[in-house]
Amino acid sequence: MTSEELQNIVLQALEFGQNGKTRACNELLRQIYSSLQTDPLLLWDNSHVSQLGKSLILMLHLDQIDDEEKNIGLVLLAYIFLSKGIQREEQMPEIDLCEIFRIRKDRIILLKSFDDFFVDSLQEIYYANEKAADRDAYNEQRKAVLSRLPLMQFSDIYDIEQDYPNLRDDEFLLDTANYIEMEEEINSEHINEAKLVHNILFKYSFQKLKEGKINY
């Protein structure tokens, strides 16, 4: 499959998904999944890399793969593709605000819907040199990294707010922001830490992908 063919399949799958044409959408998602098995980086330098990430969110929501470990891998892939899309947009001479809004929102949806699936990776990042001595310590570590995920969502919301002070009246984003702010006392230090974690998680996951260490 060429990158152009994959790009067209991705866009069509998203359109079918949006219009509730589930059977046709599922068929295209299977083709996307098959293409990822052959070459996960086929759209890496393509302007539609973030849409590929969005199609994986669709795949996950439609329960296409009945294997938790592979779903964790797909979540990481979606995160990598969406983060690459954000990076691409930020490096453009002129940022397309609508496009970066869409990608950031998709990344928030991913982090919120599948927060549990990020725990292993974040635990490996935060506690790289601190192996848990026992089950209690291990559980404490997991609890600690899980508490970082709302902050990672909020850092994307914060970035959207710089362009759209009222988050474009987006109900999902407003509800998510309100919920996080009720649960957490958020300051600029938290946001800076979350941005740093986003950068590390992106690089760490991408490296794992290149080494063939993500099972999907």
Protein backbone atom coordinates (compact mmCIF):
# COMPACT_ATOMS: atom_id res chain seq x y z
CA MET A 1 0.00 0.00 0.00
CA THR A 2 1.31 3.48 -0.83
CA SER A 3 1.11 6.40 1.59
CA GLU A 4 -1.46 8.04 -0.69
CA GLU A 5 -3.68 4.93 -0.63
CA LEU A 6 -3.44 4.72 3.15
CA GLN A 7 -4.21 8.43 3.48
CA ASN A 8 -7.38 8.02 1.39
CA ILE A 9 -8.49 4.94 3.38
CA VAL A 10 -7.94 6.79 6.67
CA LEU A 11 -9.98 9.82 5.56
CA GLN A 12 -12.77 7.60 4.23
CA ALA A 13 -12.87 5.50 7.43
CA LEU A 14 -13.21 8.67 9.52
CA GLU A 15 -15.99 9.95 7.27
CA PHE A 16 -17.88 6.62 7.49
CA GLY A 17 -17.37 6.60 11.27
CA GLN A 18 -18.73 10.13 11.57
CA ASN A 19 -21.80 9.22 9.51
CA GLY A 20 -22.52 6.04 11.47
CA LYS A 21 -21.70 3.69 8.56
CA THR A 22 -20.15 1.17 10.94
CA ARG A 23 -19.82 -1.84 8.64
CA ALA A 24 -18.05 0.11 5.87
CA CYS A 25 -15.93 1.87 8.49
CA ASN A 26 -14.89 -1.44 10.11
CA GLU A 27 -13.78 -2.82 6.76
CA LEU A 28 -11.50 0.17 6.16
CA LEU A 29 -10.18 0.07 9.73
CA ARG A 30 -9.13 -3.55 9.14
CA GLN A 31 -7.17 -2.39 6.10
CA ILE A 32 -5.53 0.36 8.18
CA TYR A 33 -4.62 -2.18 10.88
CA SER A 34 -3.13 -4.50 8.25
CA SER A 35 -1.09 -1.62 6.80
CA LEU A 36 0.27 -0.77 10.27
CA GLN A 37 1.48 -4.36 10.65
CA THR A 38 3.51 -3.93 7.45
CA ASP A 39 4.77 -0.39 8.00
CA PRO A 40 3.62 1.68 11.00
CA LEU A 41 5.51 4.75 9.70
CA LEU A 42 4.00 4.90 6.21
CA LEU A 43 2.29 8.26 6.96
CA TRP A 44 5.03 9.55 9.29
CA ASP A 45 6.02 12.50 7.11
CA ASN A 46 2.50 12.97 5.72
CA SER A 47 0.27 15.87 6.76
CA HIS A 48 -2.43 13.27 7.58
CA VAL A 49 -0.41 11.46 10.25
CA SER A 50 -2.73 12.83 12.98
CA GLN A 51 -5.81 11.49 11.15
CA LEU A 52 -4.19 8.06 11.29
CA GLY A 53 -4.03 8.53 15.07
CA LYS A 54 -7.71 9.50 15.08
CA SER A 55 -8.62 6.38 13.08
CA LEU A 56 -6.96 4.27 15.79
CA ILE A 57 -9.13 5.94 18.44
CA LEU A 58 -12.10 4.89 16.31
CA MET A 59 -10.71 1.34 16.08
CA LEU A 60 -10.38 1.22 19.88
CA HIS A 61 -13.87 2.60 20.50
CA LEU A 62 -15.36 0.03 18.11
CA ASP A 63 -13.53 -2.80 19.98
CA GLN A 64 -11.97 -4.12 16.79
CA ILE A 65 -9.12 -5.92 18.56
CA ASP A 66 -10.02 -8.26 21.39
CA ASP A 67 -6.63 -8.32 23.11
CA GLU A 68 -5.73 -5.91 25.91
CA GLU A 69 -1.98 -5.89 25.25
CA LYS A 70 -2.53 -5.09 21.56
CA ASN A 71 -5.01 -2.36 22.51
CA ILE A 72 -2.38 -0.81 24.79
CA GLY A 73 -0.03 -0.86 21.77
CA LEU A 74 -2.67 0.80 19.58
CA VAL A 75 -3.21 3.51 22.20
CA LEU A 76 0.53 4.24 22.20
CA LEU A 77 0.54 4.32 18.38
CA ALA A 78 -2.39 6.75 18.36
CA TYR A 79 -0.54 8.91 20.92
CA ILE A 80 2.62 8.89 18.76
CA PHE A 81 0.74 9.86 15.58
CA LEU A 82 -1.29 12.62 17.26
CA SER A 83 1.80 14.03 18.98
CA LYS A 84 3.68 13.99 15.67
CA GLY A 85 0.73 15.86 14.12
CA ILE A 86 0.92 18.54 16.84
CA GLN A 87 4.68 18.82 16.33
CA ARG A 88 4.20 19.19 12.55
CA GLU A 89 1.63 21.97 13.00
CA GLU A 90 3.80 23.84 15.51
CA GLN A 91 6.70 23.86 13.04
CA MET A 92 4.63 25.36 10.20
CA PRO A 93 5.39 28.98 9.23
CA GLU A 94 1.72 29.68 9.93
CA ILE A 95 -0.16 27.46 12.38
CA ASP A 96 -3.60 26.26 11.29
CA LEU A 97 -5.50 26.94 14.53
CA CYS A 98 -8.49 24.77 13.57
CA GLU A 99 -6.22 21.84 12.75
CA ILE A 100 -4.14 22.05 15.93
CA PHE A 101 -7.35 22.43 17.96
CA ARG A 102 -8.66 19.21 16.41
CA ILE A 103 -5.47 17.25 17.06
CA ARG A 104 -5.10 18.46 20.66
CA LYS A 105 -8.73 17.59 21.34
CA ASP A 106 -8.17 14.10 19.91
CA ARG A 107 -5.14 13.66 22.14
CA ILE A 108 -7.18 14.70 25.19
CA ILE A 109 -9.91 12.21 24.19
CA LEU A 110 -7.26 9.48 23.92
CA LEU A 111 -5.67 10.32 27.29
CA LYS A 112 -9.05 10.50 29.00
CA SER A 113 -10.65 7.41 27.42
CA PHE A 114 -7.65 5.12 27.84
CA ASP A 115 -5.78 6.57 30.82
CA ASP A 116 -5.09 3.08 32.29
CA PHE A 117 -3.28 2.09 29.10
CA PHE A 118 -0.60 4.75 29.65
CA VAL A 119 0.27 3.65 33.17
CA ASP A 120 2.95 1.06 32.27
CA SER A 121 4.84 3.48 30.01
CA LEU A 122 4.65 6.35 32.50
CA GLN A 123 5.76 4.05 35.31
CA GLU A 124 8.79 3.03 33.25
CA ILE A 125 9.58 6.72 32.64
CA TYR A 126 9.01 8.07 36.17
CA TYR A 127 10.54 5.12 38.03
CA ALA A 128 13.24 4.06 35.57
CA ASN A 129 15.85 3.79 38.33
CA GLU A 130 13.55 2.88 41.20
CA LYS A 131 12.24 -0.67 40.93
CA ALA A 132 9.31 -1.27 43.28
CA ALA A 133 10.45 -3.44 46.21
CA ASP A 134 7.07 -5.08 46.72
CA ARG A 135 3.46 -5.15 45.51
CA ASP A 136 2.45 -2.18 47.72
CA ALA A 137 5.26 0.02 46.39
CA TYR A 138 4.39 -1.07 42.83
CA ASN A 139 0.73 -0.10 43.35
CA GLU A 140 1.76 3.25 44.88
CA GLN A 141 3.87 3.99 41.80
CA ARG A 142 0.98 3.16 39.50
CA LYS A 143 -1.35 5.38 41.51
CA ALA A 144 1.16 8.23 41.34
CA VAL A 145 1.57 8.07 37.55
CA LEU A 146 -2.18 7.72 37.00
CA SER A 147 -2.59 11.03 38.83
CA ARG A 148 -0.37 12.71 36.19
CA LEU A 149 -2.76 11.91 33.33
CA PRO A 150 -5.37 14.60 34.13
CA LEU A 151 -2.51 17.13 34.21
CA MET A 152 -1.36 15.95 30.77
CA GLN A 153 -4.91 16.46 29.50
CA PHE A 154 -5.01 19.88 31.14
CA SER A 155 -1.76 21.01 29.52
CA ASP A 156 -3.38 20.43 26.10
CA ILE A 157 -6.50 22.29 27.26
CA TYR A 158 -4.25 25.12 28.45
CA ASP A 159 -2.60 25.32 25.00
CA ILE A 160 -6.00 25.37 23.27
CA GLU A 161 -7.06 28.18 25.63
CA GLN A 162 -4.20 30.38 24.42
CA ASP A 163 -5.89 30.46 20.99
CA TYR A 164 -9.53 29.99 22.08
CA PRO A 165 -10.15 31.50 25.55
CA ASN A 166 -13.51 29.73 25.85
CA LEU A 167 -12.32 26.49 24.20
CA ARG A 168 -14.60 27.24 21.21
CA ASP A 169 -17.55 26.49 23.54
CA ASP A 170 -16.69 22.82 23.13
CA GLU A 171 -18.78 20.95 25.70
CA PHE A 172 -16.39 18.00 26.04
CA LEU A 173 -13.38 20.27 26.65
CA LEU A 174 -15.25 22.60 29.03
CA ASP A 175 -16.53 19.63 31.08
CA THR A 176 -13.09 18.02 31.15
CA ALA A 177 -11.41 21.27 32.21
CA ASN A 178 -14.00 21.91 34.95
CA TYR A 179 -13.70 18.37 36.29
CA ILE A 180 -9.90 18.49 36.45
CA GLU A 181 -9.90 21.93 38.09
CA MET A 182 -12.35 20.72 40.73
CA GLU A 183 -10.12 17.73 41.53
CA GLU A 184 -6.71 19.44 41.28
CA GLU A 185 -5.05 22.66 42.33
CA ILE A 186 -3.30 23.43 39.04
CA ASN A 187 -0.44 25.89 38.74
CA SER A 188 2.10 26.73 36.02
CA GLU A 189 4.56 24.23 37.52
CA HIS A 190 2.07 21.40 36.92
CA ILE A 191 1.53 22.52 33.33
CA ASN A 192 5.28 22.72 32.65
CA GLU A 193 5.80 19.27 34.13
CA ALA A 194 2.94 17.85 32.02
CA LYS A 195 4.44 19.36 28.85
CA LEU A 196 7.78 17.78 29.71
CA VAL A 197 6.09 14.40 30.29
CA HIS A 198 4.36 14.71 26.90
CA ASN A 199 7.76 15.24 25.24
CA ILE A 200 9.38 12.33 27.07
CA LEU A 201 6.45 9.96 26.50
CA PHE A 202 6.43 10.80 22.78
CA LYS A 203 10.19 10.18 22.37
CA TYR A 204 10.12 7.08 24.57
CA SER A 205 7.15 5.52 22.74
CA PHE A 206 8.55 6.39 19.30
CA GLN A 207 11.87 4.75 20.21
CA LYS A 208 10.01 1.62 21.34
CA LEU A 209 8.10 1.58 18.06
CA LYS A 210 11.32 1.85 16.02
CA GLU A 211 12.81 -1.02 18.03
CA GLY A 212 9.72 -3.16 17.36
CA LYS A 213 8.87 -3.24 21.08
CA ILE A 214 5.23 -2.14 20.81
CA ASN A 215 2.85 -5.07 20.42
CA TYR A 216 -0.28 -4.18 18.44
